[in-house]
N, C-alpha and C. Protein backbone atom coordinates (compact mmCIF):
# COMPACT_ATOMS: atom_id res chain seq x y z
N UNK A 1 0.76 -1.29 -0.03
CA UNK A 1 -0.13 0.28 0.15
C UNK A 1 1.01 1.10 0.22
N UNK A 2 0.33 2.28 -1.17
CA UNK A 2 1.50 3.02 -1.38
C UNK A 2 0.41 4.53 -0.98
N UNK A 3 0.78 5.76 -1.15
CA UNK A 3 0.52 6.90 -1.42
C UNK A 3 1.00 7.82 -0.86
N UNK A 4 0.14 8.72 -0.92
CA UNK A 4 0.38 10.31 -0.02
C UNK A 4 0.27 10.00 1.36
N UNK A 5 0.63 11.23 2.07
CA UNK A 5 0.44 11.53 3.52
C UNK A 5 -0.78 11.71 3.81
N UNK A 6 -1.48 10.62 4.59
CA UNK A 6 -3.19 11.07 5.30
C UNK A 6 -3.77 10.29 4.24
N UNK A 7 -3.57 9.69 3.48
CA UNK A 7 -4.38 8.91 2.25
C UNK A 7 -5.35 7.90 2.74
N UNK A 8 -4.86 6.95 3.87
CA UNK A 8 -5.43 6.05 4.45
C UNK A 8 -5.15 4.59 4.63
N UNK A 9 -3.76 4.65 4.13
CA UNK A 9 -2.76 3.30 3.96
C UNK A 9 -3.10 2.23 5.57
N UNK A 10 -2.59 3.05 6.58
CA UNK A 10 -3.05 2.82 7.86
C UNK A 10 -4.22 1.99 8.49
N UNK A 11 -5.34 2.96 7.76
CA UNK A 11 -6.56 2.30 7.83
C UNK A 11 -7.04 1.31 7.10
N UNK A 12 -6.36 1.01 5.59
CA UNK A 12 -6.74 0.00 4.79
C UNK A 12 -6.10 -1.12 5.07
N UNK A 13 -4.73 -1.12 5.66
CA UNK A 13 -4.47 -2.23 6.05
C UNK A 13 -4.71 -2.82 7.79
N UNK A 14 -5.41 -2.02 8.17
CA UNK A 14 -5.91 -2.43 9.77
C UNK A 14 -7.43 -2.95 8.78
N UNK A 15 -8.17 -2.53 8.28
CA UNK A 15 -9.51 -3.00 8.08
C UNK A 15 -9.57 -3.97 7.77
N UNK A 16 -8.24 -4.82 6.64
CA UNK A 16 -8.37 -5.87 6.00
C UNK A 16 -7.58 -7.18 6.50
N UNK A 17 -6.55 -6.55 7.20
CA UNK A 17 -5.79 -7.93 7.76
C UNK A 17 -6.71 -8.50 8.87
N UNK A 18 -6.14 -10.24 8.79
CA UNK A 18 -7.29 -10.83 9.75
C UNK A 18 -6.10 -11.17 11.40
N UNK A 19 -4.70 -10.66 10.80
CA UNK A 19 -4.26 -10.76 12.20
C UNK A 19 -4.26 -9.12 12.75
N UNK A 20 -3.69 -8.95 14.33
CA UNK A 20 -3.66 -7.12 14.34
C UNK A 20 -2.44 -6.77 13.87
N UNK A 21 -2.78 -5.78 13.23
CA UNK A 21 -1.67 -5.53 12.21
C UNK A 21 -0.78 -4.68 12.86
N UNK A 22 0.54 -4.68 12.48
CA UNK A 22 2.13 -3.98 13.17
C UNK A 22 1.60 -2.65 12.35
N UNK A 23 1.69 -1.64 13.39
CA UNK A 23 1.93 -0.06 13.35
C UNK A 23 2.89 -0.05 13.40
N UNK A 24 3.73 1.48 13.10
CA UNK A 24 5.00 2.13 13.41
C UNK A 24 4.55 3.56 13.36
N UNK A 25 3.50 3.65 13.81
CA UNK A 25 2.74 5.62 14.60
C UNK A 25 3.25 6.33 15.38
N UNK A 26 3.77 7.14 14.65
CA UNK A 26 4.03 8.17 15.69
C UNK A 26 3.54 9.27 15.94
N UNK A 27 3.33 10.53 16.73
CA UNK A 27 2.95 11.25 17.02
C UNK A 27 3.53 12.61 15.92
N UNK A 28 2.68 13.45 15.62
CA UNK A 28 3.38 14.31 14.70
C UNK A 28 4.15 15.14 15.39
N UNK A 29 5.00 15.64 15.08
CA UNK A 29 5.84 16.34 15.85
C UNK A 29 6.16 18.04 15.32
N UNK A 30 6.74 18.61 16.04
CA UNK A 30 6.84 20.15 15.35
C UNK A 30 7.97 20.00 14.47
N UNK A 31 8.71 19.06 14.78
CA UNK A 31 10.19 19.44 13.31
C UNK A 31 9.55 19.00 12.26
N UNK A 32 8.56 17.91 12.53
CA UNK A 32 7.99 17.72 11.25
C UNK A 32 7.06 18.50 10.44
N UNK A 33 6.28 19.50 11.18
CA UNK A 33 5.71 20.48 10.52
C UNK A 33 6.12 21.34 9.67
N UNK A 34 8.06 20.92 9.74
CA UNK A 34 8.68 22.46 8.46
C UNK A 34 8.71 21.10 7.76
N UNK A 35 8.51 19.89 7.37
CA UNK A 35 8.29 19.40 6.09
C UNK A 35 7.81 18.57 5.49
N UNK A 36 6.48 18.11 6.28
CA UNK A 36 5.62 17.65 5.88
C UNK A 36 4.13 18.67 5.58
N UNK A 37 3.53 18.56 4.36
CA UNK A 37 2.40 18.92 4.04
C UNK A 37 1.27 18.66 4.61
N UNK A 38 0.72 19.20 5.80
CA UNK A 38 -0.83 18.33 6.39
C UNK A 38 -1.58 19.31 5.96
N UNK A 39 -1.83 20.23 4.65
CA UNK A 39 -2.98 20.32 4.15
C UNK A 39 -3.96 19.40 3.69
N UNK A 40 -4.82 19.79 4.04
CA UNK A 40 -5.90 18.57 3.59
C UNK A 40 -6.49 17.71 4.57
N UNK A 41 -5.11 17.51 5.66
CA UNK A 41 -5.38 16.42 6.58
C UNK A 41 -5.10 16.72 7.64
N UNK A 42 -5.77 18.02 7.91
CA UNK A 42 -5.40 18.91 9.47
C UNK A 42 -5.76 18.08 10.61
N UNK A 43 -6.66 17.21 10.68
CA UNK A 43 -7.12 16.50 11.81
C UNK A 43 -6.15 15.31 12.16
N UNK A 44 -5.03 15.22 11.54
CA UNK A 44 -4.41 13.94 11.33
C UNK A 44 -3.57 14.27 12.66
N UNK A 45 -3.24 13.18 13.49
CA UNK A 45 -2.10 13.82 14.97
C UNK A 45 -1.13 12.58 14.88
N UNK A 46 -1.04 11.52 13.68
CA UNK A 46 0.02 10.69 14.11
C UNK A 46 0.26 10.57 12.53
N UNK A 47 1.64 9.43 12.30
CA UNK A 47 2.00 9.13 10.95
C UNK A 47 2.82 7.74 11.24
N UNK A 48 2.71 7.49 9.59
CA UNK A 48 3.58 5.75 9.92
C UNK A 48 5.25 6.20 9.77
N UNK A 49 6.17 6.00 10.81
CA UNK A 49 7.00 6.41 10.34
C UNK A 49 8.09 4.95 9.65
N UNK A 50 7.93 3.85 9.59
CA UNK A 50 8.14 2.75 9.39
C UNK A 50 7.41 1.97 8.06
N UNK A 51 6.54 1.49 8.70
CA UNK A 51 5.82 0.82 7.86
C UNK A 51 4.18 -0.03 8.53
N UNK A 52 3.36 -0.35 7.85
CA UNK A 52 2.63 -1.26 8.62
C UNK A 52 2.56 -2.54 8.04
N UNK A 53 1.95 -3.38 8.63
CA UNK A 53 1.95 -4.67 8.48
C UNK A 53 1.17 -5.77 8.32
N UNK A 54 0.16 -6.41 8.20
CA UNK A 54 -0.92 -7.12 7.83
C UNK A 54 -0.70 -8.15 7.20
N UNK A 55 -1.78 -9.35 7.43
CA UNK A 55 -1.84 -10.55 6.47
C UNK A 55 -3.27 -10.81 6.21
N UNK A 56 -3.68 -11.49 4.96
CA UNK A 56 -4.72 -12.28 4.50
C UNK A 56 -4.50 -13.59 4.02
N UNK A 57 -4.83 -14.72 4.78
CA UNK A 57 -4.67 -15.87 4.51
C UNK A 57 -6.00 -16.14 3.10
N UNK A 58 -5.60 -16.53 2.01
CA UNK A 58 -6.57 -16.82 0.74
C UNK A 58 -6.45 -18.38 1.05
N UNK A 59 -6.08 -19.06 0.98
CA UNK A 59 -6.51 -20.63 1.43
C UNK A 59 -5.08 -21.12 1.99
N UNK A 60 -5.54 -22.31 2.30
CA UNK A 60 -4.07 -23.26 2.98
C UNK A 60 -2.90 -22.70 2.17
N UNK A 61 -1.64 -22.57 2.94
CA UNK A 61 -0.69 -22.24 2.49
C UNK A 61 -0.11 -20.98 1.41
N UNK A 62 -1.12 -20.25 1.24
CA UNK A 62 -1.55 -18.96 0.28
C UNK A 62 -1.39 -17.96 1.27
N UNK A 63 -0.71 -16.84 1.49
CA UNK A 63 -1.24 -15.91 2.27
C UNK A 63 -0.95 -14.42 1.81
N UNK A 64 -1.42 -13.40 1.67
CA UNK A 64 -1.21 -11.90 0.96
C UNK A 64 -0.93 -10.98 2.11
N UNK A 65 0.78 -10.84 2.23
CA UNK A 65 1.02 -10.08 3.31
C UNK A 65 0.89 -8.74 2.73
N UNK A 66 0.53 -7.58 3.34
CA UNK A 66 0.35 -6.12 3.46
C UNK A 66 1.67 -5.48 4.13
N UNK A 67 1.68 -4.49 3.18
CA UNK A 67 2.70 -3.60 3.48
C UNK A 67 2.08 -2.09 3.20
N UNK A 68 2.28 -1.47 4.32
CA UNK A 68 2.01 -0.39 3.69
C UNK A 68 3.17 0.53 4.37
N UNK A 69 3.29 1.48 3.53
CA UNK A 69 4.38 2.60 3.00
C UNK A 69 4.07 3.80 3.85
N UNK A 70 5.12 4.73 4.30
CA UNK A 70 4.77 5.82 5.12
C UNK A 70 4.61 7.05 3.80
N UNK A 71 3.92 8.02 3.84
CA UNK A 71 3.55 8.40 2.84
C UNK A 71 4.39 10.13 2.62
N UNK A 72 5.50 10.37 3.49
CA UNK A 72 6.00 11.58 3.84
C UNK A 72 7.37 11.29 2.54
N UNK A 73 7.90 12.34 1.72
CA UNK A 73 9.03 11.98 1.39
C UNK A 73 10.72 11.61 1.73
N UNK A 74 10.45 12.00 3.20
CA UNK A 74 11.55 11.98 3.96
C UNK A 74 11.82 10.19 4.34
N UNK A 75 10.31 9.36 4.03
CA UNK A 75 10.68 7.84 4.25
C UNK A 75 10.80 7.18 3.32
N UNK A 76 10.60 7.81 2.02
CA UNK A 76 10.62 7.30 0.86
C UNK A 76 12.00 5.85 0.87
N UNK A 77 13.08 6.32 1.40
CA UNK A 77 14.07 5.11 1.50
C UNK A 77 13.63 3.94 1.65
N UNK A 78 12.41 3.92 2.24
CA UNK A 78 11.78 2.45 2.99
C UNK A 78 11.58 1.99 2.12
N UNK A 79 10.89 2.94 0.99
CA UNK A 79 9.99 1.85 -0.50
C UNK A 79 10.63 0.83 -0.76
N UNK A 80 12.03 1.05 -1.23
CA UNK A 80 12.98 -0.04 -1.89
C UNK A 80 12.84 -1.03 -1.38
N UNK A 81 13.17 -1.21 -0.01
CA UNK A 81 12.87 -2.37 0.79
C UNK A 81 11.59 -3.37 1.17
N UNK A 82 10.67 -2.25 1.26
CA UNK A 82 9.20 -2.56 1.55
C UNK A 82 8.35 -3.25 0.45
N UNK A 83 9.08 -2.66 -0.97
CA UNK A 83 8.61 -3.26 -2.49
C UNK A 83 9.30 -4.76 -2.92
N UNK A 84 10.44 -4.99 -2.26
CA UNK A 84 11.03 -6.11 -2.65
C UNK A 84 10.44 -7.50 -2.44
N UNK A 85 10.47 -7.66 -4.02
CA UNK A 85 10.02 -9.25 -4.51
C UNK A 85 8.35 -9.18 -4.15
N UNK A 86 7.67 -7.63 -4.38
CA UNK A 86 6.17 -7.48 -4.40
C UNK A 86 5.49 -7.99 -5.90
N UNK A 87 4.60 -8.83 -5.80
CA UNK A 87 4.15 -9.17 -7.14
C UNK A 87 3.56 -7.94 -7.33
N UNK A 88 2.59 -7.32 -6.55
CA UNK A 88 1.21 -5.97 -7.25
C UNK A 88 1.76 -5.08 -6.10
N UNK A 89 1.06 -3.97 -6.52
CA UNK A 89 1.02 -2.70 -5.15
C UNK A 89 -0.55 -2.26 -5.27
N UNK A 90 -0.66 -1.44 -3.82
CA UNK A 90 -2.17 -0.42 -4.53
C UNK A 90 -1.12 0.81 -4.12
N UNK A 91 -1.97 1.82 -5.05
CA UNK A 91 -1.63 3.24 -4.66
C UNK A 91 -3.17 3.59 -4.54
N UNK A 92 -3.24 4.21 -3.00
CA UNK A 92 -4.18 4.99 -2.41
C UNK A 92 -4.36 6.29 -2.79
N UNK A 93 -5.30 6.84 -2.94
CA UNK A 93 -5.38 8.13 -3.80
C UNK A 93 -6.40 8.89 -2.85
N UNK A 94 -6.65 9.95 -3.23
CA UNK A 94 -7.53 11.03 -2.44
C UNK A 94 -7.52 11.81 -3.57
N UNK A 95 -8.94 11.89 -3.62
CA UNK A 95 -9.02 13.71 -5.11
C UNK A 95 -8.75 14.19 -4.63
N UNK A 96 -8.92 15.15 -3.33
CA UNK A 96 -8.89 16.11 -2.65
C UNK A 96 -7.05 16.90 -2.87
N UNK A 97 -6.23 15.70 -3.11
CA UNK A 97 -4.91 15.94 -3.12
C UNK A 97 -4.25 14.64 -3.91
N UNK A 98 -5.17 14.96 -5.39
CA UNK A 98 -4.51 13.27 -6.12
C UNK A 98 -3.10 13.77 -6.12
N UNK A 99 -2.59 14.95 -6.02
CA UNK A 99 -0.89 14.93 -6.94
C UNK A 99 0.06 14.29 -5.75
N UNK A 100 -0.59 13.96 -4.80
CA UNK A 100 0.32 13.17 -3.67
C UNK A 100 0.30 11.87 -4.13
N UNK A 101 -0.13 11.30 -5.14
CA UNK A 101 0.16 10.01 -5.90
C UNK A 101 0.71 9.83 -6.73
N UNK A 102 1.09 10.60 -7.31
CA UNK A 102 2.19 11.02 -8.33
C UNK A 102 3.40 10.18 -8.34
N UNK A 103 4.27 10.32 -7.07
CA UNK A 103 5.29 9.77 -7.17
C UNK A 103 4.76 8.47 -6.71
N UNK A 104 4.03 7.55 -6.03
CA UNK A 104 3.82 6.15 -5.60
C UNK A 104 3.36 5.42 -7.48
N UNK A 105 2.82 5.92 -8.13
CA UNK A 105 2.21 5.72 -9.17
C UNK A 105 3.66 5.71 -10.32
N UNK A 106 4.76 6.48 -10.22
CA UNK A 106 5.75 6.43 -10.72
C UNK A 106 6.62 5.68 -10.31
N UNK A 107 6.72 5.73 -9.28
CA UNK A 107 7.55 4.44 -8.59
C UNK A 107 7.42 2.99 -8.90
N UNK A 108 6.10 2.60 -9.00
CA UNK A 108 5.95 1.20 -9.37
C UNK A 108 5.84 1.33 -10.99
N UNK A 109 5.51 2.24 -11.81
CA UNK A 109 5.75 1.99 -13.09
C UNK A 109 7.04 1.72 -13.18
N UNK A 110 8.18 2.69 -13.24
CA UNK A 110 9.53 2.55 -13.20
C UNK A 110 9.86 1.08 -13.10
N UNK A 111 9.47 0.58 -12.06
CA UNK A 111 10.24 -0.58 -11.76
C UNK A 111 9.23 -2.17 -12.28
N UNK A 112 8.20 -1.61 -12.70
CA UNK A 112 7.69 -2.63 -13.63
C UNK A 112 6.54 -3.53 -12.42
N UNK A 113 6.14 -2.80 -11.47
CA UNK A 113 5.51 -3.71 -10.30
C UNK A 113 3.94 -3.50 -10.85
N UNK A 114 3.24 -4.21 -10.75
CA UNK A 114 1.78 -3.96 -11.29
C UNK A 114 1.00 -3.45 -10.20
N UNK A 115 -0.10 -2.56 -10.58
CA UNK A 115 -0.46 -2.07 -9.41
C UNK A 115 -1.82 -1.54 -9.74
N UNK A 116 -2.59 -1.10 -8.84
CA UNK A 116 -4.40 -0.49 -8.65
C UNK A 116 -4.02 0.66 -8.57
N UNK A 117 -4.80 1.63 -8.79
CA UNK A 117 -5.34 2.75 -7.84
C UNK A 117 -6.64 2.48 -7.31
N UNK A 118 -6.80 2.89 -5.72
CA UNK A 118 -7.84 2.83 -5.10
C UNK A 118 -8.08 4.14 -4.57
N UNK A 119 -9.32 4.43 -5.20
CA UNK A 119 -9.44 6.00 -4.68
C UNK A 119 -10.48 6.09 -3.17
N UNK A 120 -9.60 6.14 -2.26
CA UNK A 120 -10.33 6.37 -0.83
C UNK A 120 -11.49 7.30 -1.10
N UNK A 121 -12.92 7.16 -0.54
CA UNK A 121 -14.04 8.38 -1.11
C UNK A 121 -13.68 8.92 0.20
N UNK A 122 -13.38 9.77 0.64
CA UNK A 122 -13.60 10.92 2.12
C UNK A 122 -14.72 11.53 1.85
N UNK A 123 -15.21 11.73 2.75
CA UNK A 123 -16.55 12.33 3.08
C UNK A 123 -15.98 13.76 3.03
N UNK A 124 -17.04 14.45 1.77
CA UNK A 124 -16.63 15.82 1.54
C UNK A 124 -15.53 16.17 0.31
N UNK A 125 -15.35 14.77 -0.33
CA UNK A 125 -14.68 14.72 -1.33
C UNK A 125 -15.69 14.75 -2.60
N UNK A 126 -14.93 15.42 -3.64
CA UNK A 126 -15.86 15.48 -4.94
C UNK A 126 -15.47 13.91 -5.18
N UNK A 127 -16.54 13.49 -5.92
CA UNK A 127 -16.42 12.01 -6.67
C UNK A 127 -16.26 12.14 -8.08
N UNK A 128 -15.37 11.17 -8.48
CA UNK A 128 -14.60 11.51 -9.94
C UNK A 128 -14.80 9.76 -10.17
N UNK A 129 -15.25 9.67 -11.46
CA UNK A 129 -15.38 8.02 -12.02
C UNK A 129 -13.61 7.23 -12.26
N UNK A 130 -13.59 6.19 -12.19
CA UNK A 130 -12.32 5.60 -12.62
C UNK A 130 -11.79 6.27 -13.58
N UNK A 131 -12.66 6.40 -14.71
CA UNK A 131 -11.90 7.04 -15.82
C UNK A 131 -11.26 8.37 -15.70
N UNK A 132 -11.76 9.17 -15.10
CA UNK A 132 -11.66 10.77 -14.87
C UNK A 132 -10.18 10.60 -14.32
N UNK A 133 -9.88 9.34 -13.02
CA UNK A 133 -9.00 9.89 -12.30
C UNK A 133 -7.77 9.05 -12.95
N UNK A 134 -8.44 7.98 -14.01
CA UNK A 134 -7.23 7.00 -14.83
C UNK A 134 -6.20 8.11 -15.52
N UNK A 135 -7.17 9.22 -16.02
CA UNK A 135 -6.52 10.18 -17.20
C UNK A 135 -6.09 11.31 -16.46
N UNK A 136 -6.31 11.92 -15.23
CA UNK A 136 -5.79 12.58 -14.46
C UNK A 136 -4.27 12.10 -13.88
N UNK A 137 -4.30 10.90 -13.61
CA UNK A 137 -3.13 10.17 -13.08
C UNK A 137 -2.57 9.84 -14.31
N UNK A 138 -2.85 10.18 -15.67
CA UNK A 138 -2.16 9.83 -16.85
C UNK A 138 -1.49 7.88 -17.09
N UNK A 139 -2.59 7.42 -16.33
CA UNK A 139 -1.89 6.21 -16.43
C UNK A 139 -2.20 5.15 -17.37
N UNK A 140 -1.34 4.09 -17.42
CA UNK A 140 -0.76 2.90 -18.71
C UNK A 140 -2.47 2.68 -19.05
N UNK A 141 -2.85 2.08 -19.87
CA UNK A 141 -4.33 1.83 -20.47
C UNK A 141 -4.23 0.22 -19.78
N UNK A 142 -5.31 -0.01 -19.03
CA UNK A 142 -5.40 -1.37 -18.51
C UNK A 142 -5.26 -1.11 -17.05
N UNK A 143 -4.88 -0.06 -16.89
CA UNK A 143 -4.37 -0.42 -15.17
C UNK A 143 -5.68 -0.22 -14.20
N UNK A 144 -5.97 -0.60 -13.60
CA UNK A 144 -7.03 -0.40 -12.86
C UNK A 144 -7.50 0.83 -11.85
N UNK A 145 -8.75 1.20 -11.72
CA UNK A 145 -8.93 2.11 -10.57
C UNK A 145 -9.95 1.67 -10.14
N UNK A 146 -9.83 2.14 -8.91
CA UNK A 146 -11.38 1.31 -7.87
C UNK A 146 -11.85 2.33 -6.82
N UNK A 147 -12.76 2.43 -6.75
CA UNK A 147 -13.35 3.70 -5.78
C UNK A 147 -13.52 2.45 -4.17
N UNK A 148 -12.97 3.15 -3.25
CA UNK A 148 -13.06 1.97 -2.55
C UNK A 148 -13.16 2.93 -0.40
N UNK A 149 -13.45 2.51 0.22
CA UNK A 149 -13.95 3.24 1.11
C UNK A 149 -12.90 2.31 2.30
N UNK A 150 -11.45 3.17 2.50
CA UNK A 150 -10.47 2.38 3.71
C UNK A 150 -10.77 1.83 4.64
N UNK A 151 -12.07 2.39 5.38
CA UNK A 151 -12.29 1.80 6.62
C UNK A 151 -13.06 0.60 6.77
N UNK A 152 -13.85 0.37 5.56
CA UNK A 152 -14.44 -0.84 5.12
C UNK A 152 -13.71 -2.01 4.73
N UNK A 153 -13.90 -3.30 5.49
CA UNK A 153 -12.81 -4.65 5.19
C UNK A 153 -13.43 -4.99 3.92
N UNK A 154 -15.20 -5.03 3.41
CA UNK A 154 -15.36 -5.80 2.19
C UNK A 154 -14.34 -4.74 1.12
N UNK A 155 -14.76 -3.40 1.36
CA UNK A 155 -14.18 -2.72 0.15
C UNK A 155 -12.91 -3.05 0.04
N UNK A 156 -11.92 -2.72 1.45
CA UNK A 156 -10.75 -3.22 0.71
C UNK A 156 -10.26 -4.55 0.48
N UNK A 157 -11.18 -5.49 0.93
CA UNK A 157 -10.88 -6.52 0.31
C UNK A 157 -10.86 -6.70 -1.36
N UNK A 158 -12.42 -6.08 -1.82
CA UNK A 158 -12.23 -5.44 -3.07
C UNK A 158 -11.52 -5.09 -3.86
N UNK A 159 -10.48 -4.08 -3.37
CA UNK A 159 -9.58 -3.38 -3.88
C UNK A 159 -8.22 -5.05 -4.19
N UNK A 160 -8.15 -5.55 -3.12
CA UNK A 160 -6.92 -6.67 -2.96
C UNK A 160 -7.40 -7.27 -4.24
N UNK A 161 -8.61 -7.95 -4.20
CA UNK A 161 -8.96 -8.92 -5.25
C UNK A 161 -9.03 -8.32 -6.90
N UNK A 162 -9.12 -7.30 -6.95
CA UNK A 162 -8.62 -6.45 -8.01
C UNK A 162 -7.10 -6.69 -8.37
N UNK A 163 -6.16 -6.32 -7.29
CA UNK A 163 -4.93 -6.41 -7.63
C UNK A 163 -4.35 -7.64 -7.49
N UNK A 164 -4.99 -8.72 -7.30
CA UNK A 164 -4.41 -10.37 -7.37
C UNK A 164 -4.74 -10.44 -8.55
N UNK A 165 -5.85 -10.36 -9.31
CA UNK A 165 -6.22 -10.83 -10.77
C UNK A 165 -5.44 -9.58 -11.51
N UNK A 166 -5.10 -8.30 -11.54
CA UNK A 166 -4.85 -7.64 -12.35
C UNK A 166 -3.05 -8.37 -12.34
N UNK A 167 -2.29 -8.42 -11.30
CA UNK A 167 -0.93 -8.43 -10.90
C UNK A 167 -1.31 -9.85 -11.73
N UNK A 168 -1.66 -11.17 -11.58
CA UNK A 168 -1.89 -12.25 -11.86
C UNK A 168 -2.04 -12.43 -13.61
N UNK A 169 -2.78 -11.35 -14.30
CA UNK A 169 -2.71 -11.28 -15.73
C UNK A 169 -1.47 -10.78 -16.42
N UNK A 170 -0.85 -9.87 -15.43
CA UNK A 170 0.29 -9.02 -15.99
C UNK A 170 1.56 -10.03 -16.32
N UNK A 171 1.72 -10.66 -14.84
CA UNK A 171 2.61 -11.78 -14.66
C UNK A 171 2.46 -12.64 -15.76
N UNK A 172 1.01 -13.24 -16.10
CA UNK A 172 1.13 -14.36 -16.79
C UNK A 172 1.74 -14.05 -18.50
N UNK A 173 0.94 -12.47 -18.82
CA UNK A 173 1.80 -11.80 -19.80
C UNK A 173 2.98 -12.08 -20.06
N UNK A 174 3.86 -11.36 -19.18
CA UNK A 174 4.93 -11.18 -19.00
C UNK A 174 6.07 -13.05 -19.46
N UNK A 175 5.44 -13.75 -18.64
CA UNK A 175 5.72 -15.11 -18.73
C UNK A 175 5.78 -15.57 -19.93
N UNK A 176 4.14 -15.26 -20.98
CA UNK A 176 4.35 -15.87 -22.09
C UNK A 176 5.01 -14.99 -22.91
N UNK A 177 5.62 -13.85 -22.94
CA UNK A 177 6.23 -13.02 -23.59
C UNK A 177 7.66 -13.38 -23.65
N UNK A 178 8.10 -14.10 -22.43
CA UNK A 178 9.57 -14.15 -22.45
C UNK A 178 9.63 -15.61 -22.90
N UNK A 179 9.01 -16.82 -22.63
CA UNK A 179 8.73 -18.07 -23.31
C UNK A 179 8.79 -17.96 -25.20
N UNK A 180 7.89 -16.74 -25.45
CA UNK A 180 7.98 -16.51 -27.00
C UNK A 180 6.91 -17.72 -27.62
N UNK A 181 6.66 -17.74 -28.71
CA UNK A 181 5.78 -18.74 -29.55
C UNK A 181 6.32 -19.90 -29.83
N UNK A 182 5.04 -20.65 -29.57
CA UNK A 182 5.93 -22.62 -29.17
C UNK A 182 5.31 -22.92 -30.36
N UNK A 183 6.28 -23.52 -31.18
CA UNK A 183 6.12 -24.23 -32.42
C UNK A 183 6.50 -25.58 -31.91
N UNK A 184 5.89 -26.71 -33.21
CA UNK A 184 5.85 -28.22 -32.69
C UNK A 184 5.00 -28.28 -33.40
N UNK A 185 5.20 -30.20 -33.73
CA UNK A 185 4.38 -30.78 -34.56
C UNK A 185 2.79 -30.36 -34.27
N UNK A 186 2.15 -30.07 -35.30
CA UNK A 186 0.55 -30.09 -35.31
C UNK A 186 -0.53 -31.34 -35.63
């Protein structure tokens, strides 16, 4: 889970995790006020300083591990560690501050990690359709955009289902491209 500061990454991990999530939240500090843009999230009092971690068991022997990244620029060095080996990602977006998710979109596009954009529908935010968000973010064609409520377990699960389906298609296509056309007896 990646995205801008205060977009709901910790909330989403907590909503869908079957285990009590590991959270590394700390109170916002006066020192942080000088470097963190809290515009639009004035009620926020804590921030993730390392990661969030949760888990969902899909079936026996198969689990989906959830890592939530910190949203501030000063913690981006952690993203490489958290995304190592990732088969896919969720970029959480807030339409009130859509520009805050551009770095996450760029990050996953440049690394070839399939991702979905999940628009967290905050109360009072203008509602945009998935195509409008995809166009505003200049997403590659086919990149899924899902509207969600990060507080709602079922909504969060739907985001993860879309991610697993999409990442599966992308990885299968890459595998088939790598193998090349098969020729043999007809």
